Amino acid sequence: MNELIITNLETVPGRQISRHLGLVQGNTVRSKHVGRDIMAGLKNIVGGELKGYTELLSDARNEATDRMIEAARAMGANAVINVRYSTSSVTSGASELYVYGTAVIVA
């Protein structure tokens, strides 16, 4: 399967957009883990990176991106341009990571 081009630019340098297919998106909602909360609480006392949360957000970002890519491929796209990420709190202890972009065909 050909590699899908993903960029936060409005164009793909050196390529011409031949067809606009529309909005594609992916998301995931994740909640905090009790063990991570305990470790984060301890880390807050001494300072430093909260690695458990960094991993949680990285995993969520990858999952949401994979879902966006799947949607783009289903539309027949070979690129997604103008990609943006957003997060929001869904409820206490749970957040949504949302990614969206424009599916296109580039030549």
Protein backbone atom coordinates (compact mmCIF):
# COMPACT_ATOMS: atom_id res chain seq x y z
CA MET A 1 0.00 0.00 0.00
CA ASN A 2 1.32 3.45 -0.91
CA GLU A 3 2.35 5.76 1.88
CA LEU A 4 -0.19 8.45 2.67
CA ILE A 5 1.31 11.95 2.82
CA ILE A 6 0.30 13.84 5.96
CA THR A 7 1.18 17.50 6.41
CA ASN A 8 0.09 20.51 8.40
CA LEU A 9 0.72 22.68 5.33
CA GLU A 10 -2.10 23.73 3.00
CA THR A 11 -0.26 22.15 0.06
CA VAL A 12 2.23 19.37 -0.56
CA PRO A 13 5.49 20.97 -1.72
CA GLY A 14 6.41 19.84 -5.22
CA ARG A 15 3.00 18.24 -5.79
CA GLN A 16 -0.23 19.60 -7.23
CA ILE A 17 -3.62 18.89 -5.68
CA SER A 18 -5.72 17.30 -8.41
CA ARG A 19 -8.82 16.50 -6.36
CA HIS A 20 -10.31 17.67 -3.08
CA LEU A 21 -12.14 14.84 -1.26
CA GLY A 22 -13.21 16.55 1.97
CA LEU A 23 -12.75 16.54 5.71
CA VAL A 24 -11.31 13.49 7.45
CA GLN A 25 -11.05 13.06 11.17
CA GLY A 26 -10.06 10.69 13.91
CA ASN A 27 -10.50 10.78 17.65
CA THR A 28 -10.14 8.84 20.85
CA VAL A 29 -11.28 9.44 24.41
CA ARG A 30 -8.91 8.32 27.13
CA SER A 31 -9.19 8.28 30.89
CA LYS A 32 -6.50 8.48 33.51
CA HIS A 33 -5.24 5.31 35.17
CA VAL A 34 -5.23 5.16 38.99
CA GLY A 35 -1.59 3.99 39.05
CA ARG A 36 -0.57 6.87 36.79
CA ASP A 37 -2.47 9.32 39.02
CA ILE A 38 -0.58 8.13 42.09
CA MET A 39 2.78 8.43 40.34
CA ALA A 40 1.81 11.84 38.90
CA GLY A 41 0.87 13.03 42.38
CA LEU A 42 4.27 12.00 43.70
CA LYS A 43 6.03 13.61 40.75
CA ASN A 44 4.15 16.87 41.36
CA ILE A 45 5.81 17.05 44.76
CA VAL A 46 9.36 16.88 43.39
CA GLY A 47 8.73 18.22 39.87
CA GLY A 48 9.64 16.83 36.48
CA GLU A 49 7.97 15.23 33.50
CA LEU A 50 4.87 13.13 34.08
CA LYS A 51 6.01 10.30 31.80
CA GLY A 52 2.86 8.22 32.31
CA TYR A 53 0.73 11.08 30.97
CA THR A 54 3.20 11.79 28.17
CA GLU A 55 2.86 8.16 27.06
CA LEU A 56 -0.93 8.31 27.39
CA LEU A 57 -1.14 11.39 25.17
CA SER A 58 1.31 9.97 22.65
CA ASP A 59 -0.70 6.75 22.38
CA ALA A 60 -3.93 8.75 22.02
CA ARG A 61 -2.40 10.96 19.31
CA ASN A 62 -1.20 7.90 17.37
CA GLU A 63 -4.59 6.17 17.63
CA ALA A 64 -6.52 9.26 16.51
CA THR A 65 -4.09 9.79 13.61
CA ASP A 66 -4.44 6.15 12.53
CA ARG A 67 -8.22 6.58 12.47
CA MET A 68 -7.93 9.72 10.34
CA ILE A 69 -5.60 7.89 7.93
CA GLU A 70 -8.06 5.01 7.67
CA ALA A 71 -10.86 7.47 6.80
CA ALA A 72 -8.67 9.16 4.17
CA ARG A 73 -7.74 5.85 2.54
CA ALA A 74 -11.41 4.84 2.47
CA MET A 75 -12.08 8.01 0.45
CA GLY A 76 -9.26 7.16 -1.97
CA ALA A 77 -6.92 9.94 -0.82
CA ASN A 78 -3.16 9.79 -1.16
CA ALA A 79 -2.59 12.83 1.09
CA VAL A 80 -4.11 14.69 4.02
CA ILE A 81 -3.29 18.38 4.21
CA ASN A 82 -3.79 21.09 6.82
CA VAL A 83 -3.75 18.55 9.68
CA ARG A 84 -4.60 19.91 13.12
CA TYR A 85 -4.86 18.39 16.60
CA SER A 86 -7.17 19.39 19.41
CA THR A 87 -7.85 18.17 22.94
CA SER A 88 -10.82 18.68 25.19
CA SER A 89 -11.99 17.52 28.57
CA VAL A 90 -14.97 15.18 28.28
CA THR A 91 -15.49 14.57 31.98
CA SER A 92 -13.39 14.60 35.12
CA GLY A 93 -10.43 12.37 34.40
CA ALA A 94 -11.19 11.78 30.69
CA SER A 95 -10.05 13.73 27.64
CA GLU A 96 -10.63 13.54 23.91
CA LEU A 97 -7.82 13.86 21.40
CA TYR A 98 -9.16 14.90 17.99
CA VAL A 99 -7.28 15.20 14.69
CA TYR A 100 -8.64 16.48 11.41
CA GLY A 101 -7.48 17.48 7.98
CA THR A 102 -8.46 17.66 4.32
CA ALA A 103 -8.23 14.50 2.23
CA VAL A 104 -6.87 15.16 -1.27
CA ILE A 105 -5.34 13.45 -4.24
CA VAL A 106 -2.00 14.88 -5.29
CA ALA A 107 -0.16 14.24 -8.54
